Amino acid sequence: MDRKMANRKLIRLSHLKNKLATENLEEIDWVTFGVIVKKVTPQSANNGRTFSIWRLNDLRDLNECVSLFLFGEVHKEHWKTEQGTV
C-alpha cells in the first residue's frame, strides 16, 4: 500500500465536496476509499444502455455520501459487486 500511495494525496470521501470547492484536484494525484453503503438496481438510460449507481461512504460521517455512476465496461465488470465492499 505504501508503494501504491507514494506521491499521492489521500482525500477522505467525507471531505471530497469541500476539497472540490477549494482545490483544483485535476492538478493533484489523489485517491480516495469508500464502502458501498447502497446500490440501486441497474437502470436503463435513454439510449438503452444499462448503468449502476452506488452510494459510497468513508464511514467517518454517515451523512456524507458520494454517488458513483458506473457505465459501459465498468458497469459490466462491476455491477455484481456486493454492498459493503470497500
N, C-alpha and C. Protein backbone atom coordinates (compact mmCIF):
# COMPACT_ATOMS: atom_id res chain seq x y z
N MET A 1 0.82 -1.18 0.00
CA MET A 1 0.00 0.00 0.00
C MET A 1 0.87 1.26 0.00
N ASP A 2 1.98 1.22 0.74
CA ASP A 2 2.88 2.37 0.75
C ASP A 2 3.38 2.69 -0.66
N ARG A 3 3.71 1.65 -1.42
CA ARG A 3 4.19 1.85 -2.78
C ARG A 3 3.10 2.45 -3.67
N LYS A 4 1.88 1.95 -3.54
CA LYS A 4 0.76 2.45 -4.35
C LYS A 4 0.39 3.89 -4.00
N MET A 5 0.58 4.26 -2.74
CA MET A 5 0.21 5.60 -2.27
C MET A 5 1.34 6.62 -2.40
N ALA A 6 2.53 6.18 -2.79
CA ALA A 6 3.67 7.10 -2.90
C ALA A 6 3.32 8.26 -3.82
N ASN A 7 3.57 9.48 -3.35
CA ASN A 7 3.34 10.72 -4.11
C ASN A 7 1.87 10.99 -4.43
N ARG A 8 0.98 10.35 -3.70
CA ARG A 8 -0.45 10.59 -3.89
C ARG A 8 -1.04 11.17 -2.61
N LYS A 9 -2.08 11.96 -2.78
CA LYS A 9 -2.75 12.56 -1.63
C LYS A 9 -4.04 11.80 -1.36
N LEU A 10 -4.24 11.39 -0.10
CA LEU A 10 -5.47 10.73 0.31
C LEU A 10 -6.50 11.80 0.65
N ILE A 11 -7.65 11.72 0.03
CA ILE A 11 -8.76 12.61 0.34
C ILE A 11 -9.93 11.74 0.79
N ARG A 12 -10.36 11.94 2.02
CA ARG A 12 -11.50 11.18 2.54
C ARG A 12 -12.76 11.56 1.77
N LEU A 13 -13.63 10.58 1.54
CA LEU A 13 -14.88 10.86 0.83
C LEU A 13 -15.69 11.93 1.55
N SER A 14 -15.67 11.91 2.87
CA SER A 14 -16.45 12.90 3.63
C SER A 14 -15.88 14.32 3.47
N HIS A 15 -14.67 14.45 2.96
CA HIS A 15 -14.06 15.77 2.72
C HIS A 15 -14.05 16.14 1.24
N LEU A 16 -14.49 15.25 0.39
CA LEU A 16 -14.35 15.45 -1.06
C LEU A 16 -15.09 16.69 -1.55
N LYS A 17 -16.31 16.91 -1.10
CA LYS A 17 -17.09 18.06 -1.55
C LYS A 17 -16.34 19.36 -1.23
N ASN A 18 -15.82 19.48 -0.03
CA ASN A 18 -15.08 20.67 0.36
C ASN A 18 -13.80 20.82 -0.46
N LYS A 19 -13.09 19.72 -0.68
CA LYS A 19 -11.85 19.77 -1.47
C LYS A 19 -12.12 20.19 -2.91
N LEU A 20 -13.22 19.70 -3.48
CA LEU A 20 -13.57 20.08 -4.85
C LEU A 20 -13.85 21.58 -4.95
N ALA A 21 -14.39 22.15 -3.90
CA ALA A 21 -14.72 23.57 -3.90
C ALA A 21 -13.50 24.45 -3.67
N THR A 22 -12.48 23.93 -3.00
CA THR A 22 -11.36 24.78 -2.60
C THR A 22 -10.04 24.47 -3.30
N GLU A 23 -9.93 23.32 -3.96
CA GLU A 23 -8.68 22.93 -4.60
C GLU A 23 -8.94 22.49 -6.03
N ASN A 24 -7.93 22.63 -6.87
CA ASN A 24 -8.00 22.13 -8.24
C ASN A 24 -7.46 20.70 -8.23
N LEU A 25 -8.34 19.73 -8.05
CA LEU A 25 -7.92 18.34 -7.91
C LEU A 25 -7.42 17.74 -9.21
N GLU A 26 -7.67 18.41 -10.33
CA GLU A 26 -7.16 17.91 -11.61
C GLU A 26 -5.64 17.99 -11.68
N GLU A 27 -5.06 18.84 -10.85
CA GLU A 27 -3.61 19.00 -10.86
C GLU A 27 -2.92 18.18 -9.77
N ILE A 28 -3.68 17.39 -9.02
CA ILE A 28 -3.14 16.60 -7.91
C ILE A 28 -3.39 15.13 -8.19
N ASP A 29 -2.41 14.30 -7.89
CA ASP A 29 -2.59 12.84 -7.98
C ASP A 29 -3.17 12.40 -6.64
N TRP A 30 -4.49 12.16 -6.61
CA TRP A 30 -5.15 11.86 -5.36
C TRP A 30 -5.94 10.56 -5.46
N VAL A 31 -6.22 9.99 -4.30
CA VAL A 31 -7.01 8.76 -4.21
C VAL A 31 -8.01 8.91 -3.07
N THR A 32 -9.02 8.08 -3.11
CA THR A 32 -9.99 8.01 -2.03
C THR A 32 -10.42 6.56 -1.87
N PHE A 33 -10.99 6.27 -0.73
CA PHE A 33 -11.51 4.94 -0.44
C PHE A 33 -12.94 5.09 0.03
N GLY A 34 -13.76 4.13 -0.31
CA GLY A 34 -15.14 4.18 0.13
C GLY A 34 -15.73 2.79 0.24
N VAL A 35 -16.79 2.72 1.01
CA VAL A 35 -17.56 1.49 1.19
C VAL A 35 -18.87 1.68 0.44
N ILE A 36 -19.29 0.65 -0.29
CA ILE A 36 -20.59 0.72 -0.95
C ILE A 36 -21.65 0.54 0.13
N VAL A 37 -22.36 1.63 0.46
CA VAL A 37 -23.38 1.56 1.50
C VAL A 37 -24.78 1.35 0.92
N LYS A 38 -24.93 1.60 -0.37
CA LYS A 38 -26.22 1.36 -1.02
C LYS A 38 -25.99 1.17 -2.50
N LYS A 39 -26.73 0.23 -3.07
CA LYS A 39 -26.71 0.02 -4.52
C LYS A 39 -28.14 0.14 -5.02
N VAL A 40 -28.29 0.86 -6.14
CA VAL A 40 -29.58 0.97 -6.80
C VAL A 40 -29.62 -0.12 -7.87
N THR A 41 -30.76 -0.74 -8.04
CA THR A 41 -30.92 -1.74 -9.10
C THR A 41 -30.50 -1.12 -10.42
N PRO A 42 -29.71 -1.85 -11.25
CA PRO A 42 -29.28 -1.29 -12.53
C PRO A 42 -30.43 -0.65 -13.31
N GLN A 43 -30.13 0.49 -13.92
CA GLN A 43 -31.12 1.29 -14.64
C GLN A 43 -30.80 1.30 -16.13
N SER A 44 -31.77 1.69 -16.93
CA SER A 44 -31.55 1.87 -18.37
C SER A 44 -31.59 3.36 -18.69
N ALA A 45 -30.57 3.82 -19.40
CA ALA A 45 -30.51 5.22 -19.82
C ALA A 45 -31.42 5.40 -21.04
N ASN A 46 -31.63 6.64 -21.43
CA ASN A 46 -32.46 6.95 -22.60
C ASN A 46 -31.94 6.30 -23.86
N ASN A 47 -30.62 6.08 -23.93
CA ASN A 47 -30.03 5.46 -25.11
C ASN A 47 -30.09 3.93 -25.05
N GLY A 48 -30.72 3.38 -24.00
CA GLY A 48 -30.88 1.94 -23.89
C GLY A 48 -29.76 1.22 -23.16
N ARG A 49 -28.69 1.92 -22.86
CA ARG A 49 -27.57 1.29 -22.15
C ARG A 49 -27.86 1.22 -20.66
N THR A 50 -27.39 0.15 -20.04
CA THR A 50 -27.61 -0.07 -18.62
C THR A 50 -26.47 0.54 -17.81
N PHE A 51 -26.80 1.07 -16.65
CA PHE A 51 -25.80 1.63 -15.75
C PHE A 51 -26.20 1.34 -14.31
N SER A 52 -25.25 1.49 -13.42
CA SER A 52 -25.48 1.29 -11.99
C SER A 52 -25.17 2.56 -11.22
N ILE A 53 -25.78 2.69 -10.06
CA ILE A 53 -25.47 3.79 -9.15
C ILE A 53 -25.13 3.20 -7.79
N TRP A 54 -23.98 3.57 -7.28
CA TRP A 54 -23.56 3.17 -5.94
C TRP A 54 -23.49 4.40 -5.06
N ARG A 55 -23.88 4.27 -3.80
CA ARG A 55 -23.67 5.31 -2.80
C ARG A 55 -22.48 4.86 -1.97
N LEU A 56 -21.45 5.70 -1.91
CA LEU A 56 -20.21 5.39 -1.20
C LEU A 56 -20.06 6.29 0.02
N ASN A 57 -19.43 5.74 1.06
CA ASN A 57 -19.18 6.48 2.29
C ASN A 57 -17.86 6.01 2.87
N ASP A 58 -17.19 6.89 3.62
CA ASP A 58 -15.91 6.51 4.24
C ASP A 58 -16.09 6.06 5.69
N LEU A 59 -17.33 5.95 6.15
CA LEU A 59 -17.70 5.50 7.50
C LEU A 59 -17.25 6.47 8.59
N ARG A 60 -16.80 7.64 8.19
CA ARG A 60 -16.44 8.67 9.17
C ARG A 60 -17.66 9.55 9.46
N ASP A 61 -18.36 9.95 8.41
CA ASP A 61 -19.56 10.77 8.54
C ASP A 61 -20.64 10.12 7.68
N LEU A 62 -21.55 9.42 8.31
CA LEU A 62 -22.54 8.64 7.57
C LEU A 62 -23.56 9.51 6.82
N ASN A 63 -23.54 10.81 7.07
CA ASN A 63 -24.43 11.72 6.35
C ASN A 63 -23.82 12.21 5.05
N GLU A 64 -22.53 12.00 4.86
CA GLU A 64 -21.83 12.45 3.65
C GLU A 64 -21.55 11.26 2.74
N CYS A 65 -22.34 11.14 1.69
CA CYS A 65 -22.15 10.05 0.72
C CYS A 65 -21.83 10.65 -0.64
N VAL A 66 -21.20 9.85 -1.46
CA VAL A 66 -20.90 10.21 -2.84
C VAL A 66 -21.62 9.21 -3.73
N SER A 67 -22.31 9.69 -4.75
CA SER A 67 -22.95 8.79 -5.71
C SER A 67 -21.98 8.55 -6.85
N LEU A 68 -21.78 7.28 -7.16
CA LEU A 68 -20.88 6.87 -8.24
C LEU A 68 -21.72 6.19 -9.31
N PHE A 69 -21.66 6.72 -10.52
CA PHE A 69 -22.40 6.15 -11.65
C PHE A 69 -21.44 5.29 -12.46
N LEU A 70 -21.83 4.05 -12.73
CA LEU A 70 -21.00 3.13 -13.50
C LEU A 70 -21.65 2.88 -14.85
N PHE A 71 -20.91 3.16 -15.92
CA PHE A 71 -21.40 2.99 -17.28
C PHE A 71 -20.48 2.05 -18.06
N GLY A 72 -20.96 1.57 -19.19
CA GLY A 72 -20.14 0.82 -20.15
C GLY A 72 -19.47 -0.40 -19.55
N GLU A 73 -18.19 -0.55 -19.88
CA GLU A 73 -17.42 -1.71 -19.43
C GLU A 73 -17.29 -1.77 -17.91
N VAL A 74 -17.19 -0.60 -17.28
CA VAL A 74 -17.09 -0.57 -15.81
C VAL A 74 -18.36 -1.15 -15.20
N HIS A 75 -19.50 -0.76 -15.73
CA HIS A 75 -20.77 -1.33 -15.25
C HIS A 75 -20.80 -2.84 -15.46
N LYS A 76 -20.46 -3.28 -16.67
CA LYS A 76 -20.50 -4.71 -16.99
C LYS A 76 -19.59 -5.52 -16.07
N GLU A 77 -18.43 -4.97 -15.75
CA GLU A 77 -17.46 -5.69 -14.93
C GLU A 77 -17.79 -5.68 -13.44
N HIS A 78 -18.43 -4.61 -12.96
CA HIS A 78 -18.56 -4.45 -11.51
C HIS A 78 -19.99 -4.41 -10.97
N TRP A 79 -21.03 -4.53 -11.79
CA TRP A 79 -22.39 -4.33 -11.30
C TRP A 79 -22.80 -5.34 -10.24
N LYS A 80 -22.14 -6.49 -10.20
CA LYS A 80 -22.50 -7.51 -9.21
C LYS A 80 -21.74 -7.34 -7.87
N THR A 81 -20.88 -6.34 -7.77
CA THR A 81 -20.13 -6.11 -6.54
C THR A 81 -21.10 -5.92 -5.39
N GLU A 82 -20.82 -6.58 -4.28
CA GLU A 82 -21.72 -6.60 -3.14
C GLU A 82 -21.69 -5.30 -2.34
N GLN A 83 -22.85 -4.93 -1.82
CA GLN A 83 -22.91 -3.82 -0.87
C GLN A 83 -22.03 -4.17 0.32
N GLY A 84 -21.32 -3.20 0.87
CA GLY A 84 -20.39 -3.44 1.96
C GLY A 84 -18.96 -3.61 1.51
N THR A 85 -18.74 -3.72 0.20
CA THR A 85 -17.40 -3.88 -0.35
C THR A 85 -16.67 -2.55 -0.30
N VAL A 86 -15.36 -2.60 -0.01
CA VAL A 86 -14.53 -1.39 0.00
C VAL A 86 -13.96 -1.19 -1.38
